[in-house]
Amino acid sequence: MTKLGKRTIVFLTVASLVLLPVGVALAQGQQLLDDTQPEAGAMIADVVLIRPLGIASMILGAAAFIVSIPFTASGGNVDEAWDTLVTKPAKFTFKRPLGQFD
């Protein structure tokens, strides 16, 4: 196995072990954080996994918005499409405090 393959497997294993408690808590509907300070695991999961996924969803949303402009313009809902496809992912990625998944 190549060095890159081994590193990828190790990274994915560590990420899944770190994110497992976060996923279980979210599935049970529990609040992950107290009101004062986010937990370290939630912050790490946010930086390593959630923020990059937010950036990717923002880029994909912008591409989908560009493709949908003729349809949304004829329907008169360009602003709603922009808000849903680009603005909401951008706010989730850049305006949300680190480790808070509200």
Protein backbone atom coordinates (compact mmCIF):
# COMPACT_ATOMS: atom_id res chain seq x y z
CA MET A 1 0.00 0.00 0.00
CA THR A 2 1.27 3.44 -0.83
CA LYS A 3 2.19 6.01 1.78
CA LEU A 4 -0.69 8.26 0.68
CA GLY A 5 -3.14 5.36 0.97
CA LYS A 6 -2.01 4.57 4.49
CA ARG A 7 -2.28 8.21 5.55
CA THR A 8 -5.75 8.44 4.08
CA ILE A 9 -6.89 5.34 5.96
CA VAL A 10 -5.40 6.61 9.22
CA PHE A 11 -7.00 10.04 8.75
CA LEU A 12 -10.43 8.58 7.99
CA THR A 13 -10.19 6.21 10.96
CA VAL A 14 -9.25 8.99 13.37
CA ALA A 15 -11.93 11.31 11.94
CA SER A 16 -14.61 8.65 12.30
CA LEU A 17 -13.58 7.92 15.89
CA VAL A 18 -13.66 11.61 16.74
CA LEU A 19 -16.99 12.22 15.01
CA LEU A 20 -18.81 9.15 16.33
CA PRO A 21 -19.91 10.77 19.62
CA VAL A 22 -21.00 13.89 17.75
CA GLY A 23 -23.18 11.87 15.39
CA VAL A 24 -24.71 9.86 18.22
CA ALA A 25 -25.57 13.02 20.15
CA LEU A 26 -27.10 14.64 17.08
CA ALA A 27 -29.13 11.50 16.31
CA GLN A 28 -30.54 11.50 19.85
CA GLY A 29 -31.41 15.18 19.63
CA GLN A 30 -29.15 16.15 22.49
CA GLN A 31 -27.44 19.47 22.74
CA LEU A 32 -23.73 18.94 22.18
CA LEU A 33 -22.53 22.04 23.90
CA ASP A 34 -23.24 23.94 27.04
CA ASP A 35 -24.00 27.64 26.68
CA THR A 36 -20.50 28.84 27.52
CA GLN A 37 -17.81 26.76 25.80
CA PRO A 38 -17.95 24.21 22.96
CA GLU A 39 -16.29 20.86 23.55
CA ALA A 40 -12.94 20.20 21.90
CA GLY A 41 -14.29 17.27 19.90
CA ALA A 42 -17.06 19.39 18.43
CA MET A 43 -14.59 22.10 17.48
CA ILE A 44 -12.23 19.61 15.84
CA ALA A 45 -15.11 18.01 13.93
CA ASP A 46 -16.21 21.45 12.82
CA VAL A 47 -12.78 22.46 11.53
CA VAL A 48 -11.85 19.13 9.95
CA LEU A 49 -15.16 18.03 8.44
CA ILE A 50 -18.06 20.45 8.68
CA ARG A 51 -16.41 23.69 7.50
CA PRO A 52 -14.86 22.10 4.38
CA LEU A 53 -18.23 20.52 3.59
CA GLY A 54 -19.84 23.94 4.04
CA ILE A 55 -17.40 25.49 1.59
CA ALA A 56 -18.06 22.69 -0.90
CA SER A 57 -21.83 23.10 -0.53
CA MET A 58 -21.49 26.83 -1.09
CA ILE A 59 -19.49 26.25 -4.29
CA LEU A 60 -21.94 23.61 -5.53
CA GLY A 61 -24.85 25.88 -4.62
CA ALA A 62 -23.32 28.74 -6.59
CA ALA A 63 -22.89 26.45 -9.60
CA ALA A 64 -26.49 25.25 -9.27
CA PHE A 65 -27.63 28.86 -8.98
CA ILE A 66 -25.85 29.80 -12.19
CA VAL A 67 -27.46 26.89 -14.00
CA SER A 68 -30.89 27.73 -12.59
CA ILE A 69 -30.86 31.47 -13.39
CA PRO A 70 -32.99 31.18 -16.57
CA PHE A 71 -35.63 29.18 -14.70
CA THR A 72 -35.65 31.26 -11.53
CA ALA A 73 -35.71 34.52 -13.50
CA SER A 74 -38.77 33.40 -15.45
CA GLY A 75 -40.42 32.34 -12.19
CA GLY A 76 -39.48 35.54 -10.40
CA ASN A 77 -37.69 33.89 -7.49
CA VAL A 78 -34.02 34.67 -8.12
CA ASP A 79 -33.56 36.14 -4.63
CA GLU A 80 -34.99 33.06 -2.94
CA ALA A 81 -32.77 30.76 -5.00
CA TRP A 82 -29.68 32.85 -4.14
CA ASP A 83 -30.53 32.81 -0.44
CA THR A 84 -31.12 29.07 -0.36
CA LEU A 85 -28.24 27.94 -2.57
CA VAL A 86 -25.48 30.39 -1.61
CA THR A 87 -26.29 32.63 1.35
CA LYS A 88 -27.42 29.95 3.82
CA PRO A 89 -24.35 27.73 3.26
CA ALA A 90 -22.10 30.80 3.50
CA LYS A 91 -23.64 31.86 6.82
CA PHE A 92 -23.41 28.30 8.13
CA THR A 93 -19.74 28.10 7.13
CA PHE A 94 -18.41 31.54 8.01
CA LYS A 95 -20.71 33.26 10.53
CA ARG A 96 -21.37 30.39 12.92
CA PRO A 97 -19.16 30.13 16.03
CA LEU A 98 -16.69 27.24 15.92
CA GLY A 99 -18.15 24.05 17.31
CA GLN A 100 -21.78 25.23 17.47
CA PHE A 101 -24.14 23.36 15.17
CA ASP A 102 -27.38 25.32 15.64
